[in-house]
């Protein structure tokens, strides 16, 4: 019974860069949090009726790329296992970034991964 207890750290993806953990649980892996819905809403508000402009499209892509980088940092902190969790009425609530994962790299529970396969 000399097992050392390891603390549970509850933090955000921005604060863990450079750190490693045996297990990482990423909650809110849904459409409201990845990509950050507030950032997109702010962009939409600034753009107004100009959502078809090249500037809007470039800014939207920049937001998506930034959000993917944050997600990458979060999931690469795990040494053994990462679990991505989402809530919603159905599988459509899951983060669209799941489409960027190779189907054989993860086990899907609660949704059909073949819908999102790469």
N, C-alpha and C. Protein backbone atom coordinates (compact mmCIF):
# COMPACT_ATOMS: atom_id res chain seq x y z
N UNK A 1 0.81 -1.19 0.00
CA UNK A 1 0.00 0.00 0.00
C UNK A 1 0.85 1.26 0.00
N UNK A 2 2.02 1.18 -0.57
CA UNK A 2 2.89 2.35 -0.64
C UNK A 2 2.73 3.10 -1.96
N UNK A 3 1.59 2.90 -2.59
CA UNK A 3 1.36 3.62 -3.85
C UNK A 3 1.19 5.10 -3.57
N UNK A 4 1.91 5.87 -4.33
CA UNK A 4 1.81 7.32 -4.20
C UNK A 4 0.56 7.81 -4.92
N UNK A 5 -0.23 8.60 -4.23
CA UNK A 5 -1.42 9.16 -4.85
C UNK A 5 -1.02 10.34 -5.71
N UNK A 6 -1.57 10.36 -6.90
CA UNK A 6 -1.29 11.45 -7.81
C UNK A 6 -2.47 12.42 -7.77
N UNK A 7 -2.18 13.70 -7.77
CA UNK A 7 -3.27 14.67 -7.72
C UNK A 7 -4.04 14.73 -9.04
N UNK A 8 -5.27 15.15 -8.94
CA UNK A 8 -6.08 15.41 -10.13
C UNK A 8 -6.04 16.90 -10.36
N UNK A 9 -5.64 17.28 -11.56
CA UNK A 9 -5.52 18.69 -11.91
C UNK A 9 -6.63 19.05 -12.87
N UNK A 10 -7.43 20.02 -12.51
CA UNK A 10 -8.49 20.52 -13.38
C UNK A 10 -8.01 21.87 -13.92
N UNK A 11 -7.82 21.94 -15.23
CA UNK A 11 -7.25 23.14 -15.82
C UNK A 11 -7.78 23.31 -17.24
N UNK A 12 -7.29 24.30 -17.91
CA UNK A 12 -7.67 24.50 -19.31
C UNK A 12 -6.50 24.14 -20.22
N UNK A 13 -6.79 24.06 -21.50
CA UNK A 13 -5.77 23.63 -22.46
C UNK A 13 -4.63 24.64 -22.59
N UNK A 14 -4.88 25.90 -22.28
CA UNK A 14 -3.85 26.93 -22.42
C UNK A 14 -2.79 26.82 -21.33
N UNK A 15 -3.13 26.24 -20.19
CA UNK A 15 -2.24 26.22 -19.03
C UNK A 15 -1.36 24.98 -18.96
N UNK A 16 -1.52 24.02 -19.84
CA UNK A 16 -0.81 22.75 -19.71
C UNK A 16 0.30 22.56 -20.74
N UNK A 17 0.55 23.55 -21.55
CA UNK A 17 1.60 23.42 -22.56
C UNK A 17 2.92 23.10 -21.87
N UNK A 18 3.58 22.05 -22.33
CA UNK A 18 4.85 21.64 -21.77
C UNK A 18 4.72 20.64 -20.63
N UNK A 19 3.53 20.39 -20.15
CA UNK A 19 3.30 19.43 -19.07
C UNK A 19 2.83 18.10 -19.65
N UNK A 20 2.98 17.04 -18.85
CA UNK A 20 2.50 15.73 -19.26
C UNK A 20 1.73 15.11 -18.11
N UNK A 21 0.75 14.29 -18.46
CA UNK A 21 -0.07 13.60 -17.49
C UNK A 21 -0.30 12.18 -17.98
N UNK A 22 -0.50 11.26 -17.07
CA UNK A 22 -0.80 9.89 -17.49
C UNK A 22 -2.10 9.85 -18.29
N UNK A 23 -3.12 10.51 -17.75
CA UNK A 23 -4.43 10.50 -18.37
C UNK A 23 -4.94 11.94 -18.51
N UNK A 24 -5.58 12.19 -19.63
CA UNK A 24 -6.18 13.49 -19.86
C UNK A 24 -7.64 13.25 -20.24
N UNK A 25 -8.52 13.97 -19.57
CA UNK A 25 -9.94 13.93 -19.87
C UNK A 25 -10.32 15.31 -20.38
N UNK A 26 -10.70 15.38 -21.61
CA UNK A 26 -11.09 16.65 -22.20
C UNK A 26 -12.62 16.68 -22.25
N UNK A 27 -13.18 17.53 -21.40
CA UNK A 27 -14.63 17.65 -21.37
C UNK A 27 -15.07 18.73 -22.36
N UNK A 28 -16.32 18.73 -22.67
CA UNK A 28 -16.88 19.72 -23.60
C UNK A 28 -16.31 19.59 -25.01
N UNK A 29 -16.09 18.37 -25.46
CA UNK A 29 -15.63 18.16 -26.84
C UNK A 29 -16.86 18.20 -27.75
N UNK A 30 -17.46 19.39 -27.81
CA UNK A 30 -18.69 19.57 -28.57
C UNK A 30 -18.59 20.82 -29.44
N UNK A 31 -19.62 21.05 -30.21
CA UNK A 31 -19.65 22.16 -31.17
C UNK A 31 -19.62 23.54 -30.52
N UNK A 32 -20.00 23.64 -29.26
CA UNK A 32 -19.99 24.93 -28.58
C UNK A 32 -18.62 25.31 -28.05
N UNK A 33 -17.76 24.32 -27.85
CA UNK A 33 -16.46 24.59 -27.24
C UNK A 33 -15.27 24.39 -28.18
N UNK A 34 -15.40 23.51 -29.16
CA UNK A 34 -14.36 23.29 -30.16
C UNK A 34 -14.98 23.28 -31.52
N UNK A 35 -14.87 24.28 -32.32
CA UNK A 35 -14.20 25.54 -32.04
C UNK A 35 -15.04 26.39 -31.09
N UNK A 36 -14.36 27.32 -30.45
CA UNK A 36 -15.00 28.18 -29.47
C UNK A 36 -16.10 28.99 -30.14
N UNK A 37 -17.32 28.70 -29.76
CA UNK A 37 -18.49 29.34 -30.38
C UNK A 37 -18.47 30.86 -30.20
N UNK A 38 -17.98 31.33 -29.07
CA UNK A 38 -17.95 32.77 -28.82
C UNK A 38 -17.05 33.51 -29.81
N UNK A 39 -15.91 32.90 -30.14
CA UNK A 39 -15.01 33.54 -31.09
C UNK A 39 -15.67 33.68 -32.47
N UNK A 40 -16.38 32.67 -32.87
CA UNK A 40 -17.05 32.70 -34.18
C UNK A 40 -18.21 33.70 -34.16
N UNK A 41 -18.94 33.73 -33.06
CA UNK A 41 -20.03 34.70 -32.95
C UNK A 41 -19.50 36.14 -33.00
N UNK A 42 -18.36 36.39 -32.36
CA UNK A 42 -17.75 37.72 -32.41
C UNK A 42 -17.34 38.08 -33.84
N UNK A 43 -16.77 37.11 -34.54
CA UNK A 43 -16.39 37.34 -35.93
C UNK A 43 -17.63 37.63 -36.78
N UNK A 44 -18.68 36.83 -36.57
CA UNK A 44 -19.92 37.04 -37.32
C UNK A 44 -20.49 38.43 -37.06
N UNK A 45 -20.43 38.87 -35.83
CA UNK A 45 -20.96 40.18 -35.47
C UNK A 45 -20.17 41.29 -36.17
N UNK A 46 -18.84 41.15 -36.17
CA UNK A 46 -17.99 42.15 -36.84
C UNK A 46 -18.22 42.15 -38.35
N UNK A 47 -18.44 40.96 -38.91
CA UNK A 47 -18.58 40.85 -40.37
C UNK A 47 -19.93 41.35 -40.86
N UNK A 48 -20.95 41.21 -40.03
CA UNK A 48 -22.28 41.64 -40.47
C UNK A 48 -22.73 40.87 -41.69
N UNK A 49 -23.02 41.57 -42.76
CA UNK A 49 -23.48 40.93 -43.99
C UNK A 49 -22.34 40.52 -44.92
N UNK A 50 -21.11 40.69 -44.49
CA UNK A 50 -19.94 40.41 -45.34
C UNK A 50 -19.33 39.04 -45.08
N UNK A 51 -20.16 38.04 -44.83
CA UNK A 51 -19.64 36.71 -44.49
C UNK A 51 -19.11 35.94 -45.70
N UNK A 52 -19.31 36.47 -46.87
CA UNK A 52 -18.78 35.82 -48.08
C UNK A 52 -17.48 36.47 -48.54
N UNK A 53 -17.01 37.46 -47.80
CA UNK A 53 -15.79 38.15 -48.22
C UNK A 53 -14.56 37.29 -47.95
N UNK A 54 -13.50 37.57 -48.67
CA UNK A 54 -12.24 36.85 -48.47
C UNK A 54 -11.68 37.10 -47.07
N UNK A 55 -11.87 38.32 -46.57
CA UNK A 55 -11.39 38.64 -45.23
C UNK A 55 -12.08 37.82 -44.16
N UNK A 56 -13.40 37.68 -44.29
CA UNK A 56 -14.15 36.87 -43.33
C UNK A 56 -13.68 35.42 -43.38
N UNK A 57 -13.56 34.90 -44.59
CA UNK A 57 -13.14 33.50 -44.75
C UNK A 57 -11.75 33.28 -44.16
N UNK A 58 -10.85 34.21 -44.36
CA UNK A 58 -9.49 34.09 -43.81
C UNK A 58 -9.52 34.14 -42.29
N UNK A 59 -10.32 35.04 -41.73
CA UNK A 59 -10.43 35.14 -40.27
C UNK A 59 -11.08 33.89 -39.68
N UNK A 60 -12.08 33.36 -40.37
CA UNK A 60 -12.75 32.14 -39.91
C UNK A 60 -11.77 30.97 -39.90
N UNK A 61 -10.99 30.83 -40.97
CA UNK A 61 -9.98 29.76 -41.05
C UNK A 61 -8.92 29.93 -39.97
N UNK A 62 -8.54 31.17 -39.68
CA UNK A 62 -7.55 31.43 -38.63
C UNK A 62 -8.08 31.00 -37.27
N UNK A 63 -9.35 31.26 -37.02
CA UNK A 63 -9.97 30.81 -35.75
C UNK A 63 -9.95 29.29 -35.68
N UNK A 64 -10.36 28.63 -36.75
CA UNK A 64 -10.36 27.16 -36.76
C UNK A 64 -8.96 26.60 -36.52
N UNK A 65 -7.97 27.18 -37.18
CA UNK A 65 -6.59 26.70 -37.00
C UNK A 65 -6.10 26.93 -35.57
N UNK A 66 -6.41 28.08 -34.99
CA UNK A 66 -6.04 28.34 -33.60
C UNK A 66 -6.70 27.34 -32.66
N UNK A 67 -7.97 27.07 -32.90
CA UNK A 67 -8.70 26.14 -32.04
C UNK A 67 -8.16 24.71 -32.18
N UNK A 68 -7.77 24.34 -33.38
CA UNK A 68 -7.17 23.02 -33.57
C UNK A 68 -5.83 22.91 -32.85
N UNK A 69 -5.08 24.00 -32.83
CA UNK A 69 -3.80 24.00 -32.11
C UNK A 69 -4.01 23.82 -30.61
N UNK A 70 -5.01 24.49 -30.07
CA UNK A 70 -5.33 24.34 -28.64
C UNK A 70 -5.74 22.90 -28.35
N UNK A 71 -6.57 22.33 -29.20
CA UNK A 71 -6.98 20.94 -29.04
C UNK A 71 -5.77 20.01 -29.11
N UNK A 72 -4.89 20.26 -30.04
CA UNK A 72 -3.68 19.44 -30.19
C UNK A 72 -2.84 19.48 -28.91
N UNK A 73 -2.65 20.66 -28.36
CA UNK A 73 -1.89 20.78 -27.11
C UNK A 73 -2.56 19.96 -26.02
N UNK A 74 -3.88 20.07 -25.92
CA UNK A 74 -4.61 19.36 -24.86
C UNK A 74 -4.47 17.85 -24.99
N UNK A 75 -4.66 17.32 -26.19
CA UNK A 75 -4.65 15.85 -26.32
C UNK A 75 -3.25 15.27 -26.30
N UNK A 76 -2.24 16.05 -26.64
CA UNK A 76 -0.88 15.51 -26.62
C UNK A 76 -0.23 15.59 -25.25
N UNK A 77 -0.95 16.01 -24.25
CA UNK A 77 -0.42 16.03 -22.87
C UNK A 77 -0.51 14.65 -22.24
N UNK A 78 -1.30 13.75 -22.81
CA UNK A 78 -1.51 12.43 -22.24
C UNK A 78 -0.38 11.48 -22.60
N UNK A 79 0.20 10.84 -21.58
CA UNK A 79 1.22 9.83 -21.82
C UNK A 79 0.60 8.47 -22.10
N UNK A 80 -0.53 8.16 -21.44
CA UNK A 80 -1.14 6.85 -21.59
C UNK A 80 -2.45 6.89 -22.39
N UNK A 81 -3.32 7.79 -22.01
CA UNK A 81 -4.65 7.78 -22.63
C UNK A 81 -5.31 9.15 -22.53
N UNK A 82 -6.06 9.49 -23.56
CA UNK A 82 -6.88 10.70 -23.56
C UNK A 82 -8.32 10.30 -23.84
N UNK A 83 -9.23 10.92 -23.12
CA UNK A 83 -10.64 10.68 -23.37
C UNK A 83 -11.30 12.00 -23.70
N UNK A 84 -11.96 12.04 -24.83
CA UNK A 84 -12.68 13.23 -25.28
C UNK A 84 -14.16 12.99 -25.03
N UNK A 85 -14.77 13.87 -24.25
CA UNK A 85 -16.16 13.67 -23.87
C UNK A 85 -17.02 14.83 -24.33
N UNK A 86 -18.21 14.50 -24.79
CA UNK A 86 -19.14 15.53 -25.24
C UNK A 86 -20.53 15.19 -24.70
N UNK A 87 -21.37 16.19 -24.67
CA UNK A 87 -22.76 15.97 -24.30
C UNK A 87 -23.63 16.54 -25.41
N UNK A 88 -24.80 16.04 -25.50
CA UNK A 88 -25.72 16.53 -26.50
C UNK A 88 -26.84 15.54 -26.71
N UNK A 89 -27.81 15.96 -27.46
CA UNK A 89 -28.97 15.09 -27.71
C UNK A 89 -28.63 13.93 -28.65
N UNK A 90 -27.65 14.13 -29.51
CA UNK A 90 -27.26 13.08 -30.44
C UNK A 90 -25.80 13.29 -30.86
N UNK A 91 -25.32 12.40 -31.72
CA UNK A 91 -23.93 12.44 -32.13
C UNK A 91 -23.56 13.70 -32.89
N UNK A 92 -24.54 14.43 -33.40
CA UNK A 92 -24.25 15.65 -34.16
C UNK A 92 -23.70 16.76 -33.27
N UNK A 93 -23.79 16.57 -31.96
CA UNK A 93 -23.27 17.56 -31.02
C UNK A 93 -21.75 17.49 -30.87
N UNK A 94 -21.16 16.39 -31.30
CA UNK A 94 -19.72 16.22 -31.13
C UNK A 94 -18.96 17.26 -31.96
N UNK A 95 -17.81 17.60 -31.52
CA UNK A 95 -16.97 18.59 -32.20
C UNK A 95 -16.68 18.15 -33.64
N UNK A 96 -16.81 19.04 -34.60
CA UNK A 96 -16.53 18.67 -35.98
C UNK A 96 -15.06 18.32 -36.22
N UNK A 97 -14.18 18.68 -35.29
CA UNK A 97 -12.77 18.35 -35.46
C UNK A 97 -12.52 16.85 -35.40
N UNK A 98 -13.49 16.08 -34.92
CA UNK A 98 -13.32 14.63 -34.88
C UNK A 98 -13.10 14.09 -36.30
N UNK A 99 -13.55 14.84 -37.29
CA UNK A 99 -13.34 14.43 -38.69
C UNK A 99 -11.86 14.41 -39.07
N UNK A 100 -11.04 15.12 -38.31
CA UNK A 100 -9.61 15.17 -38.59
C UNK A 100 -8.85 14.00 -37.99
N UNK A 101 -9.53 13.17 -37.20
CA UNK A 101 -8.89 12.01 -36.58
C UNK A 101 -9.07 10.80 -37.50
N UNK A 102 -8.08 9.95 -37.54
CA UNK A 102 -8.19 8.70 -38.29
C UNK A 102 -9.00 7.71 -37.46
N UNK A 103 -9.97 7.10 -38.08
CA UNK A 103 -10.90 6.20 -37.39
C UNK A 103 -10.19 5.12 -36.58
N UNK A 104 -9.11 4.61 -37.11
CA UNK A 104 -8.40 3.52 -36.42
C UNK A 104 -7.58 4.02 -35.21
N UNK A 105 -7.51 5.33 -35.01
CA UNK A 105 -6.74 5.87 -33.90
C UNK A 105 -7.55 6.06 -32.62
N UNK A 106 -8.85 5.77 -32.67
CA UNK A 106 -9.66 5.97 -31.47
C UNK A 106 -10.82 4.99 -31.42
N UNK A 107 -11.33 4.79 -30.22
CA UNK A 107 -12.54 4.01 -30.00
C UNK A 107 -13.68 4.98 -29.77
N UNK A 108 -14.76 4.80 -30.48
CA UNK A 108 -15.91 5.70 -30.36
C UNK A 108 -16.98 5.05 -29.50
N UNK A 109 -17.49 5.81 -28.55
CA UNK A 109 -18.59 5.37 -27.71
C UNK A 109 -19.67 6.43 -27.78
N UNK A 110 -20.86 6.04 -28.15
CA UNK A 110 -21.97 6.98 -28.20
C UNK A 110 -22.20 7.60 -29.56
N UNK A 111 -21.39 7.25 -30.54
CA UNK A 111 -21.61 7.73 -31.90
C UNK A 111 -20.93 6.78 -32.87
N UNK A 112 -21.37 6.81 -34.09
CA UNK A 112 -20.83 5.94 -35.14
C UNK A 112 -19.64 6.63 -35.78
N UNK A 113 -18.45 6.14 -35.53
CA UNK A 113 -17.25 6.79 -36.04
C UNK A 113 -17.14 6.71 -37.56
N UNK A 114 -17.85 5.78 -38.20
CA UNK A 114 -17.77 5.68 -39.65
C UNK A 114 -18.36 6.92 -40.33
N UNK A 115 -19.25 7.62 -39.64
CA UNK A 115 -19.81 8.85 -40.19
C UNK A 115 -18.71 9.91 -40.33
N UNK A 116 -17.76 9.84 -39.42
CA UNK A 116 -16.70 10.86 -39.38
C UNK A 116 -15.36 10.33 -39.90
N UNK A 117 -15.34 9.14 -40.47
CA UNK A 117 -14.06 8.52 -40.82
C UNK A 117 -13.28 9.33 -41.83
N UNK A 118 -12.00 9.21 -41.71
CA UNK A 118 -11.07 9.92 -42.59
C UNK A 118 -10.34 8.91 -43.43
